[in-house]
ModelCIF file with pLDDT and N, C-alpha, C, O atoms, coordinates in Angstrom:
data_MODEL
#
_entry.id   MODEL 
#
_entity.id                         1 
_entity.type                       polymer 
_entity.pdbx_number_of_molecules   1 
#
_entity_poly.entity_id                      1 
_entity_poly.type                           'polypeptide(L)' 
_entity_poly.nstd_linkage                   no 
_entity_poly.nstd_monomer                   no 
_entity_poly.pdbx_seq_one_letter_code       ILDRKRLNATANEEQKTLILHRKHHSQEAVILMNFSVNIQTVYLPDT 
_entity_poly.pdbx_seq_one_letter_code_can   ILDRKRLNATANEEQKTLILHRKHHSQEAVILMNFSVNIQTVYLPDT 
_entity_poly.pdbx_strand_id                 A 
#
loop_
_entity_poly_seq.entity_id 
_entity_poly_seq.num 
_entity_poly_seq.mon_id 
_entity_poly_seq.hetero 
1 1  ILE n 
1 2  LEU n 
1 3  ASP n 
1 4  ARG n 
1 5  LYS n 
1 6  ARG n 
1 7  LEU n 
1 8  ASN n 
1 9  ALA n 
1 10 THR n 
1 11 ALA n 
1 12 ASN n 
1 13 GLU n 
1 14 GLU n 
1 15 GLN n 
1 16 LYS n 
1 17 THR n 
1 18 LEU n 
1 19 ILE n 
1 20 LEU n 
1 21 HIS n 
1 22 ARG n 
1 23 LYS n 
1 24 HIS n 
1 25 HIS n 
1 26 SER n 
1 27 GLN n 
1 28 GLU n 
1 29 ALA n 
1 30 VAL n 
1 31 ILE n 
1 32 LEU n 
1 33 MET n 
1 34 ASN n 
1 35 PHE n 
1 36 SER n 
1 37 VAL n 
1 38 ASN n 
1 39 ILE n 
1 40 GLN n 
1 41 THR n 
1 42 VAL n 
1 43 TYR n 
1 44 LEU n 
1 45 PRO n 
1 46 ASP n 
1 47 THR n 
#
_struct_asym.id          A 
_struct_asym.entity_id   1 
#
loop_
_ma_qa_metric.id 
_ma_qa_metric.mode 
_ma_qa_metric.name 
_ma_qa_metric.software_group_id 
_ma_qa_metric.type 
1 global pLDDT . pLDDT 
2 local  pLDDT . pLDDT 
#
_ma_qa_metric_global.metric_id      1 
_ma_qa_metric_global.metric_value   96.89 
_ma_qa_metric_global.model_id       1 
_ma_qa_metric_global.ordinal_id     1 
#
loop_
_ma_qa_metric_local.label_asym_id 
_ma_qa_metric_local.label_comp_id 
_ma_qa_metric_local.label_seq_id 
_ma_qa_metric_local.metric_id 
_ma_qa_metric_local.metric_value 
_ma_qa_metric_local.model_id 
_ma_qa_metric_local.ordinal_id 
A ILE 1  2 97.00 1 1  
A LEU 2  2 97.00 1 2  
A ASP 3  2 96.00 1 3  
A ARG 4  2 96.00 1 4  
A LYS 5  2 95.00 1 5  
A ARG 6  2 96.00 1 6  
A LEU 7  2 97.00 1 7  
A ASN 8  2 98.00 1 8  
A ALA 9  2 98.00 1 9  
A THR 10 2 98.00 1 10 
A ALA 11 2 98.00 1 11 
A ASN 12 2 98.00 1 12 
A GLU 13 2 98.00 1 13 
A GLU 14 2 98.00 1 14 
A GLN 15 2 98.00 1 15 
A LYS 16 2 98.00 1 16 
A THR 17 2 98.00 1 17 
A LEU 18 2 98.00 1 18 
A ILE 19 2 98.00 1 19 
A LEU 20 2 98.00 1 20 
A HIS 21 2 98.00 1 21 
A ARG 22 2 98.00 1 22 
A LYS 23 2 97.00 1 23 
A HIS 24 2 96.00 1 24 
A HIS 25 2 95.00 1 25 
A SER 26 2 92.00 1 26 
A GLN 27 2 95.00 1 27 
A GLU 28 2 97.00 1 28 
A ALA 29 2 97.00 1 29 
A VAL 30 2 98.00 1 30 
A ILE 31 2 98.00 1 31 
A LEU 32 2 98.00 1 32 
A MET 33 2 98.00 1 33 
A ASN 34 2 98.00 1 34 
A PHE 35 2 98.00 1 35 
A SER 36 2 98.00 1 36 
A VAL 37 2 98.00 1 37 
A ASN 38 2 98.00 1 38 
A ILE 39 2 98.00 1 39 
A GLN 40 2 98.00 1 40 
A THR 41 2 98.00 1 41 
A VAL 42 2 98.00 1 42 
A TYR 43 2 96.00 1 43 
A LEU 44 2 96.00 1 44 
A PRO 45 2 94.00 1 45 
A ASP 46 2 92.00 1 46 
A THR 47 2 89.00 1 47 
#
loop_
_atom_site.group_PDB 
_atom_site.id 
_atom_site.type_symbol 
_atom_site.label_atom_id 
_atom_site.label_alt_id 
_atom_site.label_comp_id 
_atom_site.label_asym_id 
_atom_site.label_entity_id 
_atom_site.label_seq_id 
_atom_site.pdbx_PDB_ins_code 
_atom_site.Cartn_x 
_atom_site.Cartn_y 
_atom_site.Cartn_z 
_atom_site.occupancy 
_atom_site.B_iso_or_equiv 
_atom_site.pdbx_formal_charge 
_atom_site.auth_seq_id 
_atom_site.auth_comp_id 
_atom_site.auth_asym_id 
_atom_site.auth_atom_id 
_atom_site.pdbx_PDB_model_num 
ATOM 1   N N  . ILE A 1 1  ? -10.486 -9.581 -8.043  1.00 97.00 ? 1  ILE A N  1 
ATOM 2   C CA . ILE A 1 1  ? -11.162 -8.728 -9.028  1.00 97.00 ? 1  ILE A CA 1 
ATOM 3   C C  . ILE A 1 1  ? -10.157 -7.677 -9.483  1.00 97.00 ? 1  ILE A C  1 
ATOM 4   O O  . ILE A 1 1  ? -9.668  -6.896 -8.666  1.00 97.00 ? 1  ILE A O  1 
ATOM 5   N N  . LEU A 1 2  ? -9.847  -7.649 -10.762 1.00 97.00 ? 2  LEU A N  1 
ATOM 6   C CA . LEU A 1 2  ? -8.725  -6.843 -11.264 1.00 97.00 ? 2  LEU A CA 1 
ATOM 7   C C  . LEU A 1 2  ? -9.189  -5.440 -11.644 1.00 97.00 ? 2  LEU A C  1 
ATOM 8   O O  . LEU A 1 2  ? -9.236  -5.084 -12.822 1.00 97.00 ? 2  LEU A O  1 
ATOM 9   N N  . ASP A 1 3  ? -9.526  -4.661 -10.637 1.00 96.00 ? 3  ASP A N  1 
ATOM 10  C CA . ASP A 1 3  ? -10.053 -3.307 -10.844 1.00 96.00 ? 3  ASP A CA 1 
ATOM 11  C C  . ASP A 1 3  ? -8.906  -2.299 -10.778 1.00 96.00 ? 3  ASP A C  1 
ATOM 12  O O  . ASP A 1 3  ? -8.436  -1.951 -9.695  1.00 96.00 ? 3  ASP A O  1 
ATOM 13  N N  . ARG A 1 4  ? -8.469  -1.841 -11.928 1.00 96.00 ? 4  ARG A N  1 
ATOM 14  C CA . ARG A 1 4  ? -7.372  -0.876 -11.981 1.00 96.00 ? 4  ARG A CA 1 
ATOM 15  C C  . ARG A 1 4  ? -7.811  0.540  -11.627 1.00 96.00 ? 4  ARG A C  1 
ATOM 16  O O  . ARG A 1 4  ? -6.976  1.389  -11.314 1.00 96.00 ? 4  ARG A O  1 
ATOM 17  N N  . LYS A 1 5  ? -9.110  0.799  -11.675 1.00 95.00 ? 5  LYS A N  1 
ATOM 18  C CA . LYS A 1 5  ? -9.609  2.153  -11.425 1.00 95.00 ? 5  LYS A CA 1 
ATOM 19  C C  . LYS A 1 5  ? -9.622  2.486  -9.937  1.00 95.00 ? 5  LYS A C  1 
ATOM 20  O O  . LYS A 1 5  ? -9.470  3.649  -9.561  1.00 95.00 ? 5  LYS A O  1 
ATOM 21  N N  . ARG A 1 6  ? -9.800  1.491  -9.101  1.00 96.00 ? 6  ARG A N  1 
ATOM 22  C CA . ARG A 1 6  ? -9.874  1.733  -7.653  1.00 96.00 ? 6  ARG A CA 1 
ATOM 23  C C  . ARG A 1 6  ? -8.610  1.184  -6.983  1.00 96.00 ? 6  ARG A C  1 
ATOM 24  O O  . ARG A 1 6  ? -8.656  0.249  -6.184  1.00 96.00 ? 6  ARG A O  1 
ATOM 25  N N  . LEU A 1 7  ? -7.520  1.783  -7.332  1.00 97.00 ? 7  LEU A N  1 
ATOM 26  C CA . LEU A 1 7  ? -6.211  1.311  -6.875  1.00 97.00 ? 7  LEU A CA 1 
ATOM 27  C C  . LEU A 1 7  ? -5.257  2.488  -6.786  1.00 97.00 ? 7  LEU A C  1 
ATOM 28  O O  . LEU A 1 7  ? -5.318  3.417  -7.591  1.00 97.00 ? 7  LEU A O  1 
ATOM 29  N N  . ASN A 1 8  ? -4.385  2.436  -5.808  1.00 98.00 ? 8  ASN A N  1 
ATOM 30  C CA . ASN A 1 8  ? -3.348  3.454  -5.716  1.00 98.00 ? 8  ASN A CA 1 
ATOM 31  C C  . ASN A 1 8  ? -2.107  2.845  -5.078  1.00 98.00 ? 8  ASN A C  1 
ATOM 32  O O  . ASN A 1 8  ? -2.187  2.206  -4.028  1.00 98.00 ? 8  ASN A O  1 
ATOM 33  N N  . ALA A 1 9  ? -0.976  3.046  -5.711  1.00 98.00 ? 9  ALA A N  1 
ATOM 34  C CA . ALA A 1 9  ? 0.303   2.587  -5.176  1.00 98.00 ? 9  ALA A CA 1 
ATOM 35  C C  . ALA A 1 9  ? 1.190   3.796  -4.943  1.00 98.00 ? 9  ALA A C  1 
ATOM 36  O O  . ALA A 1 9  ? 1.368   4.635  -5.827  1.00 98.00 ? 9  ALA A O  1 
ATOM 37  N N  . THR A 1 10 ? 1.749   3.875  -3.729  1.00 98.00 ? 10 THR A N  1 
ATOM 38  C CA . THR A 1 10 ? 2.657   4.974  -3.392  1.00 98.00 ? 10 THR A CA 1 
ATOM 39  C C  . THR A 1 10 ? 3.951   4.390  -2.850  1.00 98.00 ? 10 THR A C  1 
ATOM 40  O O  . THR A 1 10 ? 3.943   3.407  -2.109  1.00 98.00 ? 10 THR A O  1 
ATOM 41  N N  . ALA A 1 11 ? 5.057   5.006  -3.228  1.00 98.00 ? 11 ALA A N  1 
ATOM 42  C CA . ALA A 1 11 ? 6.376   4.519  -2.817  1.00 98.00 ? 11 ALA A CA 1 
ATOM 43  C C  . ALA A 1 11 ? 7.091   5.569  -1.994  1.00 98.00 ? 11 ALA A C  1 
ATOM 44  O O  . ALA A 1 11 ? 6.992   6.768  -2.257  1.00 98.00 ? 11 ALA A O  1 
ATOM 45  N N  . ASN A 1 12 ? 7.804   5.101  -1.005  1.00 98.00 ? 12 ASN A N  1 
ATOM 46  C CA . ASN A 1 12 ? 8.721   5.943  -0.243  1.00 98.00 ? 12 ASN A CA 1 
ATOM 47  C C  . ASN A 1 12 ? 10.127  5.481  -0.599  1.00 98.00 ? 12 ASN A C  1 
ATOM 48  O O  . ASN A 1 12 ? 10.595  4.445  -0.126  1.00 98.00 ? 12 ASN A O  1 
ATOM 49  N N  . GLU A 1 13 ? 10.794  6.271  -1.446  1.00 98.00 ? 13 GLU A N  1 
ATOM 50  C CA . GLU A 1 13 ? 12.086  5.841  -1.972  1.00 98.00 ? 13 GLU A CA 1 
ATOM 51  C C  . GLU A 1 13 ? 13.161  5.796  -0.894  1.00 98.00 ? 13 GLU A C  1 
ATOM 52  O O  . GLU A 1 13 ? 14.067  4.965  -0.955  1.00 98.00 ? 13 GLU A O  1 
ATOM 53  N N  . GLU A 1 14 ? 13.067  6.683  0.092   1.00 98.00 ? 14 GLU A N  1 
ATOM 54  C CA . GLU A 1 14 ? 14.063  6.695  1.159   1.00 98.00 ? 14 GLU A CA 1 
ATOM 55  C C  . GLU A 1 14 ? 13.946  5.442  2.023   1.00 98.00 ? 14 GLU A C  1 
ATOM 56  O O  . GLU A 1 14 ? 14.952  4.828  2.378   1.00 98.00 ? 14 GLU A O  1 
ATOM 57  N N  . GLN A 1 15 ? 12.701  5.065  2.361   1.00 98.00 ? 15 GLN A N  1 
ATOM 58  C CA . GLN A 1 15 ? 12.478  3.860  3.166   1.00 98.00 ? 15 GLN A CA 1 
ATOM 59  C C  . GLN A 1 15 ? 12.561  2.575  2.360   1.00 98.00 ? 15 GLN A C  1 
ATOM 60  O O  . GLN A 1 15 ? 12.791  1.500  2.915   1.00 98.00 ? 15 GLN A O  1 
ATOM 61  N N  . LYS A 1 16 ? 12.372  2.685  1.042   1.00 98.00 ? 16 LYS A N  1 
ATOM 62  C CA . LYS A 1 16 ? 12.190  1.523  0.162   1.00 98.00 ? 16 LYS A CA 1 
ATOM 63  C C  . LYS A 1 16 ? 10.944  0.733  0.571   1.00 98.00 ? 16 LYS A C  1 
ATOM 64  O O  . LYS A 1 16 ? 10.952  -0.496 0.628   1.00 98.00 ? 16 LYS A O  1 
ATOM 65  N N  . THR A 1 17 ? 9.872   1.485  0.855   1.00 98.00 ? 17 THR A N  1 
ATOM 66  C CA . THR A 1 17 ? 8.581   0.878  1.167   1.00 98.00 ? 17 THR A CA 1 
ATOM 67  C C  . THR A 1 17 ? 7.576   1.254  0.104   1.00 98.00 ? 17 THR A C  1 
ATOM 68  O O  . THR A 1 17 ? 7.692   2.290  -0.550  1.00 98.00 ? 17 THR A O  1 
ATOM 69  N N  . LEU A 1 18 ? 6.583   0.390  -0.058  1.00 98.00 ? 18 LEU A N  1 
ATOM 70  C CA . LEU A 1 18 ? 5.517   0.621  -1.034  1.00 98.00 ? 18 LEU A CA 1 
ATOM 71  C C  . LEU A 1 18 ? 4.186   0.240  -0.397  1.00 98.00 ? 18 LEU A C  1 
ATOM 72  O O  . LEU A 1 18 ? 4.069   -0.814 0.228   1.00 98.00 ? 18 LEU A O  1 
ATOM 73  N N  . ILE A 1 19 ? 3.194   1.095  -0.557  1.00 98.00 ? 19 ILE A N  1 
ATOM 74  C CA . ILE A 1 19 ? 1.846   0.809  -0.059  1.00 98.00 ? 19 ILE A CA 1 
ATOM 75  C C  . ILE A 1 19 ? 0.914   0.692  -1.263  1.00 98.00 ? 19 ILE A C  1 
ATOM 76  O O  . ILE A 1 19 ? 0.733   1.643  -2.024  1.00 98.00 ? 19 ILE A O  1 
ATOM 77  N N  . LEU A 1 20 ? 0.333   -0.485 -1.417  1.00 98.00 ? 20 LEU A N  1 
ATOM 78  C CA . LEU A 1 20 ? -0.621  -0.745 -2.490  1.00 98.00 ? 20 LEU A CA 1 
ATOM 79  C C  . LEU A 1 20 ? -2.008  -0.809 -1.874  1.00 98.00 ? 20 LEU A C  1 
ATOM 80  O O  . LEU A 1 20 ? -2.290  -1.681 -1.052  1.00 98.00 ? 20 LEU A O  1 
ATOM 81  N N  . HIS A 1 21 ? -2.876  0.118  -2.272  1.00 98.00 ? 21 HIS A N  1 
ATOM 82  C CA . HIS A 1 21 ? -4.227  0.224  -1.713  1.00 98.00 ? 21 HIS A CA 1 
ATOM 83  C C  . HIS A 1 21 ? -5.232  -0.141 -2.805  1.00 98.00 ? 21 HIS A C  1 
ATOM 84  O O  . HIS A 1 21 ? -5.336  0.543  -3.823  1.00 98.00 ? 21 HIS A O  1 
ATOM 85  N N  . ARG A 1 22 ? -5.975  -1.237 -2.576  1.00 98.00 ? 22 ARG A N  1 
ATOM 86  C CA . ARG A 1 22 ? -6.940  -1.710 -3.568  1.00 98.00 ? 22 ARG A CA 1 
ATOM 87  C C  . ARG A 1 22 ? -8.335  -1.733 -2.959  1.00 98.00 ? 22 ARG A C  1 
ATOM 88  O O  . ARG A 1 22 ? -8.505  -1.948 -1.759  1.00 98.00 ? 22 ARG A O  1 
ATOM 89  N N  . LYS A 1 23 ? -9.342  -1.503 -3.824  1.00 97.00 ? 23 LYS A N  1 
ATOM 90  C CA . LYS A 1 23 ? -10.724 -1.460 -3.350  1.00 97.00 ? 23 LYS A CA 1 
ATOM 91  C C  . LYS A 1 23 ? -11.622 -2.254 -4.284  1.00 97.00 ? 23 LYS A C  1 
ATOM 92  O O  . LYS A 1 23 ? -11.400 -2.307 -5.494  1.00 97.00 ? 23 LYS A O  1 
ATOM 93  N N  . HIS A 1 24 ? -12.655 -2.880 -3.689  1.00 96.00 ? 24 HIS A N  1 
ATOM 94  C CA . HIS A 1 24 ? -13.705 -3.539 -4.461  1.00 96.00 ? 24 HIS A CA 1 
ATOM 95  C C  . HIS A 1 24 ? -14.989 -3.473 -3.649  1.00 96.00 ? 24 HIS A C  1 
ATOM 96  O O  . HIS A 1 24 ? -15.093 -4.076 -2.581  1.00 96.00 ? 24 HIS A O  1 
ATOM 97  N N  . HIS A 1 25 ? -15.979 -2.726 -4.171  1.00 95.00 ? 25 HIS A N  1 
ATOM 98  C CA . HIS A 1 25 ? -17.199 -2.446 -3.420  1.00 95.00 ? 25 HIS A CA 1 
ATOM 99  C C  . HIS A 1 25 ? -16.820 -1.902 -2.038  1.00 95.00 ? 25 HIS A C  1 
ATOM 100 O O  . HIS A 1 25 ? -16.081 -0.921 -1.951  1.00 95.00 ? 25 HIS A O  1 
ATOM 101 N N  . SER A 1 26 ? -17.303 -2.510 -0.975  1.00 92.00 ? 26 SER A N  1 
ATOM 102 C CA . SER A 1 26 ? -17.008 -1.985 0.363   1.00 92.00 ? 26 SER A CA 1 
ATOM 103 C C  . SER A 1 26 ? -15.722 -2.551 0.957   1.00 92.00 ? 26 SER A C  1 
ATOM 104 O O  . SER A 1 26 ? -15.287 -2.128 2.027   1.00 92.00 ? 26 SER A O  1 
ATOM 105 N N  . GLN A 1 27 ? -15.116 -3.512 0.254   1.00 95.00 ? 27 GLN A N  1 
ATOM 106 C CA . GLN A 1 27 ? -13.902 -4.142 0.784   1.00 95.00 ? 27 GLN A CA 1 
ATOM 107 C C  . GLN A 1 27 ? -12.662 -3.399 0.308   1.00 95.00 ? 27 GLN A C  1 
ATOM 108 O O  . GLN A 1 27 ? -12.532 -3.066 -0.870  1.00 95.00 ? 27 GLN A O  1 
ATOM 109 N N  . GLU A 1 28 ? -11.753 -3.148 1.245   1.00 97.00 ? 28 GLU A N  1 
ATOM 110 C CA . GLU A 1 28 ? -10.482 -2.522 0.909   1.00 97.00 ? 28 GLU A CA 1 
ATOM 111 C C  . GLU A 1 28 ? -9.350  -3.421 1.375   1.00 97.00 ? 28 GLU A C  1 
ATOM 112 O O  . GLU A 1 28 ? -9.459  -4.109 2.390   1.00 97.00 ? 28 GLU A O  1 
ATOM 113 N N  . ALA A 1 29 ? -8.277  -3.404 0.629   1.00 97.00 ? 29 ALA A N  1 
ATOM 114 C CA . ALA A 1 29 ? -7.066  -4.125 1.030   1.00 97.00 ? 29 ALA A CA 1 
ATOM 115 C C  . ALA A 1 29 ? -5.895  -3.174 0.937   1.00 97.00 ? 29 ALA A C  1 
ATOM 116 O O  . ALA A 1 29 ? -5.807  -2.361 0.017   1.00 97.00 ? 29 ALA A O  1 
ATOM 117 N N  . VAL A 1 30 ? -4.998  -3.284 1.896   1.00 98.00 ? 30 VAL A N  1 
ATOM 118 C CA . VAL A 1 30 ? -3.757  -2.537 1.817   1.00 98.00 ? 30 VAL A CA 1 
ATOM 119 C C  . VAL A 1 30 ? -2.610  -3.537 1.951   1.00 98.00 ? 30 VAL A C  1 
ATOM 120 O O  . VAL A 1 30 ? -2.560  -4.336 2.887   1.00 98.00 ? 30 VAL A O  1 
ATOM 121 N N  . ILE A 1 31 ? -1.693  -3.466 0.988   1.00 98.00 ? 31 ILE A N  1 
ATOM 122 C CA . ILE A 1 31 ? -0.526  -4.341 0.991   1.00 98.00 ? 31 ILE A CA 1 
ATOM 123 C C  . ILE A 1 31 ? 0.680   -3.463 1.301   1.00 98.00 ? 31 ILE A C  1 
ATOM 124 O O  . ILE A 1 31 ? 1.013   -2.558 0.535   1.00 98.00 ? 31 ILE A O  1 
ATOM 125 N N  . LEU A 1 32 ? 1.317   -3.731 2.406   1.00 98.00 ? 32 LEU A N  1 
ATOM 126 C CA . LEU A 1 32 ? 2.458   -2.950 2.877   1.00 98.00 ? 32 LEU A CA 1 
ATOM 127 C C  . LEU A 1 32 ? 3.729   -3.729 2.591   1.00 98.00 ? 32 LEU A C  1 
ATOM 128 O O  . LEU A 1 32 ? 3.890   -4.850 3.075   1.00 98.00 ? 32 LEU A O  1 
ATOM 129 N N  . MET A 1 33 ? 4.636   -3.150 1.811   1.00 98.00 ? 33 MET A N  1 
ATOM 130 C CA . MET A 1 33 ? 5.840   -3.854 1.387   1.00 98.00 ? 33 MET A CA 1 
ATOM 131 C C  . MET A 1 33 ? 7.082   -3.086 1.821   1.00 98.00 ? 33 MET A C  1 
ATOM 132 O O  . MET A 1 33 ? 7.169   -1.870 1.652   1.00 98.00 ? 33 MET A O  1 
ATOM 133 N N  . ASN A 1 34 ? 8.029   -3.811 2.376   1.00 98.00 ? 34 ASN A N  1 
ATOM 134 C CA . ASN A 1 34 ? 9.298   -3.231 2.792   1.00 98.00 ? 34 ASN A CA 1 
ATOM 135 C C  . ASN A 1 34 ? 10.435  -3.942 2.061   1.00 98.00 ? 34 ASN A C  1 
ATOM 136 O O  . ASN A 1 34 ? 10.724  -5.106 2.340   1.00 98.00 ? 34 ASN A O  1 
ATOM 137 N N  . PHE A 1 35 ? 11.083  -3.240 1.123   1.00 98.00 ? 35 PHE A N  1 
ATOM 138 C CA . PHE A 1 35 ? 12.169  -3.830 0.341   1.00 98.00 ? 35 PHE A CA 1 
ATOM 139 C C  . PHE A 1 35 ? 13.537  -3.515 0.946   1.00 98.00 ? 35 PHE A C  1 
ATOM 140 O O  . PHE A 1 35 ? 14.564  -3.865 0.363   1.00 98.00 ? 35 PHE A O  1 
ATOM 141 N N  . SER A 1 36 ? 13.563  -2.866 2.096   1.00 98.00 ? 36 SER A N  1 
ATOM 142 C CA . SER A 1 36 ? 14.835  -2.526 2.727   1.00 98.00 ? 36 SER A CA 1 
ATOM 143 C C  . SER A 1 36 ? 15.271  -3.634 3.686   1.00 98.00 ? 36 SER A C  1 
ATOM 144 O O  . SER A 1 36 ? 14.514  -4.563 3.967   1.00 98.00 ? 36 SER A O  1 
ATOM 145 N N  . VAL A 1 37 ? 16.493  -3.519 4.177   1.00 98.00 ? 37 VAL A N  1 
ATOM 146 C CA . VAL A 1 37 ? 17.016  -4.511 5.129   1.00 98.00 ? 37 VAL A CA 1 
ATOM 147 C C  . VAL A 1 37 ? 16.823  -4.053 6.566   1.00 98.00 ? 37 VAL A C  1 
ATOM 148 O O  . VAL A 1 37 ? 17.373  -4.652 7.489   1.00 98.00 ? 37 VAL A O  1 
ATOM 149 N N  . ASN A 1 38 ? 16.043  -2.993 6.759   1.00 98.00 ? 38 ASN A N  1 
ATOM 150 C CA . ASN A 1 38 ? 15.778  -2.463 8.094   1.00 98.00 ? 38 ASN A CA 1 
ATOM 151 C C  . ASN A 1 38 ? 14.273  -2.467 8.378   1.00 98.00 ? 38 ASN A C  1 
ATOM 152 O O  . ASN A 1 38 ? 13.455  -2.491 7.459   1.00 98.00 ? 38 ASN A O  1 
ATOM 153 N N  . ILE A 1 39 ? 13.928  -2.442 9.663   1.00 98.00 ? 39 ILE A N  1 
ATOM 154 C CA . ILE A 1 39 ? 12.521  -2.272 10.043  1.00 98.00 ? 39 ILE A CA 1 
ATOM 155 C C  . ILE A 1 39 ? 12.097  -0.852 9.652   1.00 98.00 ? 39 ILE A C  1 
ATOM 156 O O  . ILE A 1 39 ? 12.821  0.115  9.893   1.00 98.00 ? 39 ILE A O  1 
ATOM 157 N N  . GLN A 1 40 ? 10.924  -0.748 9.050   1.00 98.00 ? 40 GLN A N  1 
ATOM 158 C CA . GLN A 1 40 ? 10.415  0.555  8.632   1.00 98.00 ? 40 GLN A CA 1 
ATOM 159 C C  . GLN A 1 40 ? 9.022   0.773  9.221   1.00 98.00 ? 40 GLN A C  1 
ATOM 160 O O  . GLN A 1 40 ? 8.249   -0.170 9.388   1.00 98.00 ? 40 GLN A O  1 
ATOM 161 N N  . THR A 1 41 ? 8.720   2.024  9.531   1.00 98.00 ? 41 THR A N  1 
ATOM 162 C CA . THR A 1 41 ? 7.408   2.389  10.063  1.00 98.00 ? 41 THR A CA 1 
ATOM 163 C C  . THR A 1 41 ? 6.554   2.980  8.954   1.00 98.00 ? 41 THR A C  1 
ATOM 164 O O  . THR A 1 41 ? 6.953   3.942  8.297   1.00 98.00 ? 41 THR A O  1 
ATOM 165 N N  . VAL A 1 42 ? 5.380   2.403  8.748   1.00 98.00 ? 42 VAL A N  1 
ATOM 166 C CA . VAL A 1 42 ? 4.419   2.926  7.779   1.00 98.00 ? 42 VAL A CA 1 
ATOM 167 C C  . VAL A 1 42 ? 3.079   3.069  8.494   1.00 98.00 ? 42 VAL A C  1 
ATOM 168 O O  . VAL A 1 42 ? 2.898   2.579  9.609   1.00 98.00 ? 42 VAL A O  1 
ATOM 169 N N  . TYR A 1 43 ? 2.144   3.750  7.828   1.00 96.00 ? 43 TYR A N  1 
ATOM 170 C CA . TYR A 1 43 ? 0.845   4.013  8.446   1.00 96.00 ? 43 TYR A CA 1 
ATOM 171 C C  . TYR A 1 43 ? -0.279  3.445  7.600   1.00 96.00 ? 43 TYR A C  1 
ATOM 172 O O  . TYR A 1 43 ? -0.296  3.583  6.377   1.00 96.00 ? 43 TYR A O  1 
ATOM 173 N N  . LEU A 1 44 ? -1.215  2.806  8.280   1.00 96.00 ? 44 LEU A N  1 
ATOM 174 C CA . LEU A 1 44 ? -2.404  2.306  7.603   1.00 96.00 ? 44 LEU A CA 1 
ATOM 175 C C  . LEU A 1 44 ? -3.292  3.473  7.196   1.00 96.00 ? 44 LEU A C  1 
ATOM 176 O O  . LEU A 1 44 ? -3.292  4.505  7.868   1.00 96.00 ? 44 LEU A O  1 
ATOM 177 N N  . PRO A 1 45 ? -4.049  3.336  6.111   1.00 94.00 ? 45 PRO A N  1 
ATOM 178 C CA . PRO A 1 45 ? -4.968  4.405  5.706   1.00 94.00 ? 45 PRO A CA 1 
ATOM 179 C C  . PRO A 1 45 ? -5.974  4.722  6.815   1.00 94.00 ? 45 PRO A C  1 
ATOM 180 O O  . PRO A 1 45 ? -6.385  3.847  7.577   1.00 94.00 ? 45 PRO A O  1 
ATOM 181 N N  . ASP A 1 46 ? -6.347  5.965  6.880   1.00 92.00 ? 46 ASP A N  1 
ATOM 182 C CA . ASP A 1 46 ? -7.274  6.438  7.916   1.00 92.00 ? 46 ASP A CA 1 
ATOM 183 C C  . ASP A 1 46 ? -8.701  6.224  7.417   1.00 92.00 ? 46 ASP A C  1 
ATOM 184 O O  . ASP A 1 46 ? -9.230  7.043  6.666   1.00 92.00 ? 46 ASP A O  1 
ATOM 185 N N  . THR A 1 47 ? -9.313  5.140  7.830   1.00 89.00 ? 47 THR A N  1 
ATOM 186 C CA . THR A 1 47 ? -10.661 4.790  7.400   1.00 89.00 ? 47 THR A CA 1 
ATOM 187 C C  . THR A 1 47 ? -11.602 4.752  8.609   1.00 89.00 ? 47 THR A C  1 
ATOM 188 O O  . THR A 1 47 ? -12.792 4.474  8.457   1.00 89.00 ? 47 THR A O  1 
#
């Protein structure tokens, strides 16, 4: 479901990580992306 209103993407330029948070009704998805060549630590949303 292509809901642009219930979406937020945040980038950490130093880590080269991106967190894409999408919502539809009660369902939420978080897509955690690491574009760097190192292991990176990110945090899931506090729900």
